[in-house]
Amino acid sequence: MKPVQFLSLAVPVALGLAIAAPGSASATPADGVNGIVMSQATLNGKDYISREITIAPGGTTGWHYHPGQVFGVIRAGTLTHYDGDCSVDGVYSAGDAITERSGTGYVHEGRNEGSTPLVMWVLYIDPAGSPLAVDMPNPGCPFQ
């Protein structure tokens, strides 16, 4: 592709992405989180994605919600789970299972408040093509 043709395509695409991208100023980004996709399949209009998620000590998922169902198990460490009203709605240790409701009415945050890495295996069941999570602003809690 000639440089001029590339630029004539790249500039509008880049501008479109910049305009369409949600502002990061209002969202609370994850910190200290690493996820690895273990398996992925789409069947009957649903994405089934399993991931191993590691959250470093002091790390957080940031405030978010899920467009689909989430099921997980804690493999190591401890997850402290906060609801959108700023209360702790669960503390999960190695071997514990966790499920999360879906939708904008269930904004939440997961934190590793311990001194060792938190490792989770998580299964997402989402409408095909949906993101795994949607970042949200802090709902008014005195912490991130």
Protein backbone atom coordinates (compact mmCIF):
# COMPACT_ATOMS: atom_id res chain seq x y z
CA MET A 1 0.00 0.00 0.00
CA LYS A 2 1.34 3.45 -0.86
CA PRO A 3 2.07 5.77 2.10
CA VAL A 4 -0.57 8.28 0.97
CA GLN A 5 -3.23 5.55 0.72
CA PHE A 6 -2.26 4.24 4.16
CA LEU A 7 -2.53 7.70 5.72
CA SER A 8 -5.85 8.39 4.01
CA LEU A 9 -7.21 5.26 5.72
CA ALA A 10 -5.32 5.42 9.01
CA VAL A 11 -6.15 9.01 9.98
CA PRO A 12 -9.96 8.66 9.74
CA VAL A 13 -9.83 5.32 11.55
CA ALA A 14 -7.66 6.75 14.34
CA LEU A 15 -9.91 9.78 14.71
CA GLY A 16 -13.00 7.58 14.78
CA LEU A 17 -11.52 5.41 17.51
CA ALA A 18 -10.51 8.46 19.54
CA ILE A 19 -14.00 9.92 19.31
CA ALA A 20 -15.76 6.62 20.04
CA ALA A 21 -13.50 5.60 22.93
CA PRO A 22 -15.01 6.16 26.38
CA GLY A 23 -13.27 8.80 28.47
CA SER A 24 -10.89 7.35 31.00
CA ALA A 25 -11.38 10.30 33.34
CA SER A 26 -14.73 8.97 34.54
CA ALA A 27 -13.82 5.28 34.76
CA THR A 28 -11.78 3.68 37.51
CA PRO A 29 -9.12 1.61 35.78
CA ALA A 30 -7.87 -1.73 36.98
CA ASP A 31 -4.50 -1.75 38.72
CA GLY A 32 -2.24 -4.76 39.20
CA VAL A 33 -4.50 -7.11 37.22
CA ASN A 34 -3.30 -9.64 34.64
CA GLY A 35 -5.64 -11.98 32.74
CA ILE A 36 -4.86 -14.92 30.48
CA VAL A 37 -7.52 -16.53 28.26
CA MET A 38 -7.52 -20.29 28.89
CA SER A 39 -10.34 -21.21 26.49
CA GLN A 40 -12.89 -19.51 24.29
CA ALA A 41 -15.90 -20.68 22.27
CA THR A 42 -19.09 -19.23 20.80
CA LEU A 43 -22.26 -21.30 20.74
CA ASN A 44 -25.88 -20.30 20.09
CA GLY A 45 -25.16 -16.58 20.28
CA LYS A 46 -23.13 -16.74 23.49
CA ASP A 47 -19.41 -16.39 24.13
CA TYR A 48 -17.93 -18.78 26.69
CA ILE A 49 -14.56 -17.46 27.84
CA SER A 50 -12.47 -18.89 30.67
CA ARG A 51 -9.60 -16.86 32.08
CA GLU A 52 -7.03 -17.05 34.79
CA ILE A 53 -6.91 -13.67 36.51
CA THR A 54 -4.11 -12.63 38.84
CA ILE A 55 -4.40 -9.53 41.01
CA ALA A 56 -1.24 -8.31 42.73
CA PRO A 57 -1.30 -7.38 46.43
CA GLY A 58 -3.00 -3.98 46.67
CA GLY A 59 -4.46 -4.40 43.17
CA THR A 60 -8.02 -3.71 42.10
CA THR A 61 -10.32 -4.53 39.20
CA GLY A 62 -11.65 -0.97 39.21
CA TRP A 63 -15.39 -0.36 39.27
CA HIS A 64 -17.20 -2.23 36.51
CA TYR A 65 -20.16 -4.40 35.59
CA HIS A 66 -20.52 -7.46 33.36
CA PRO A 67 -22.91 -7.75 30.41
CA GLY A 68 -23.28 -11.50 31.05
CA GLN A 69 -22.95 -14.13 33.75
CA VAL A 70 -19.70 -14.68 35.64
CA PHE A 71 -18.69 -17.76 37.62
CA GLY A 72 -15.34 -18.19 39.33
CA VAL A 73 -13.25 -20.00 41.88
CA ILE A 74 -10.45 -18.55 43.98
CA ARG A 75 -7.27 -20.57 43.44
CA ALA A 76 -4.94 -18.60 45.75
CA GLY A 77 -5.11 -15.50 47.92
CA THR A 78 -8.21 -13.61 49.02
CA LEU A 79 -10.69 -11.51 47.03
CA THR A 80 -12.54 -8.70 48.81
CA HIS A 81 -15.63 -7.82 46.77
CA TYR A 82 -17.33 -4.41 47.07
CA ASP A 83 -20.88 -3.63 45.95
CA GLY A 84 -21.91 -0.28 44.44
CA ASP A 85 -23.13 0.91 47.85
CA CYS A 86 -19.49 0.74 49.09
CA SER A 87 -20.13 -2.24 51.36
CA VAL A 88 -18.17 -5.49 51.31
CA ASP A 89 -20.56 -8.06 49.87
CA GLY A 90 -18.12 -10.96 50.07
CA VAL A 91 -14.66 -12.10 51.09
CA TYR A 92 -13.51 -15.16 49.13
CA SER A 93 -10.49 -17.34 49.92
CA ALA A 94 -8.78 -20.21 48.10
CA GLY A 95 -11.35 -22.87 47.18
CA ASP A 96 -14.35 -20.51 47.40
CA ALA A 97 -16.72 -20.10 44.46
CA ILE A 98 -18.07 -16.73 43.37
CA THR A 99 -20.86 -15.70 41.00
CA GLU A 100 -21.62 -12.17 39.84
CA ARG A 101 -24.88 -10.76 38.56
CA SER A 102 -24.91 -8.99 35.22
CA GLY A 103 -25.99 -5.57 34.08
CA THR A 104 -25.62 -1.91 34.91
CA GLY A 105 -27.48 -2.36 38.20
CA TYR A 106 -24.60 -4.39 39.61
CA VAL A 107 -21.53 -2.15 39.57
CA HIS A 108 -18.82 -3.64 41.76
CA GLU A 109 -15.10 -3.79 42.44
CA GLY A 110 -12.78 -6.63 43.43
CA ARG A 111 -9.67 -5.97 45.49
CA ASN A 112 -6.69 -7.93 46.70
CA GLU A 113 -6.20 -6.46 50.16
CA GLY A 114 -3.82 -9.27 51.13
CA SER A 115 -0.05 -9.62 50.93
CA THR A 116 0.06 -12.46 48.36
CA PRO A 117 -1.17 -12.62 44.75
CA LEU A 118 -4.85 -13.42 44.21
CA VAL A 119 -5.43 -16.01 41.48
CA MET A 120 -8.92 -16.78 40.13
CA TRP A 121 -10.28 -19.00 37.40
CA VAL A 122 -13.29 -17.28 35.86
CA LEU A 123 -15.90 -18.30 33.27
CA TYR A 124 -17.74 -15.52 31.43
CA ILE A 125 -20.97 -16.31 29.55
CA ASP A 126 -21.75 -13.22 27.50
CA PRO A 127 -23.88 -12.27 24.53
CA ALA A 128 -21.63 -12.94 21.51
CA GLY A 129 -19.24 -10.07 20.87
CA SER A 130 -19.82 -8.36 24.22
CA PRO A 131 -16.92 -7.11 26.35
CA LEU A 132 -16.08 -9.14 29.44
CA ALA A 133 -16.57 -6.07 31.62
CA VAL A 134 -17.56 -2.42 31.23
CA ASP A 135 -15.55 0.12 33.25
CA MET A 136 -17.59 2.50 35.40
CA PRO A 137 -16.90 5.54 37.57
CA ASN A 138 -16.60 5.21 41.33
CA PRO A 139 -20.21 5.19 42.62
CA GLY A 140 -19.27 7.60 45.43
CA CYS A 141 -17.18 5.42 47.71
CA PRO A 142 -14.43 7.07 49.81
CA PHE A 143 -11.87 4.76 48.17
CA GLN A 144 -11.11 4.25 44.47
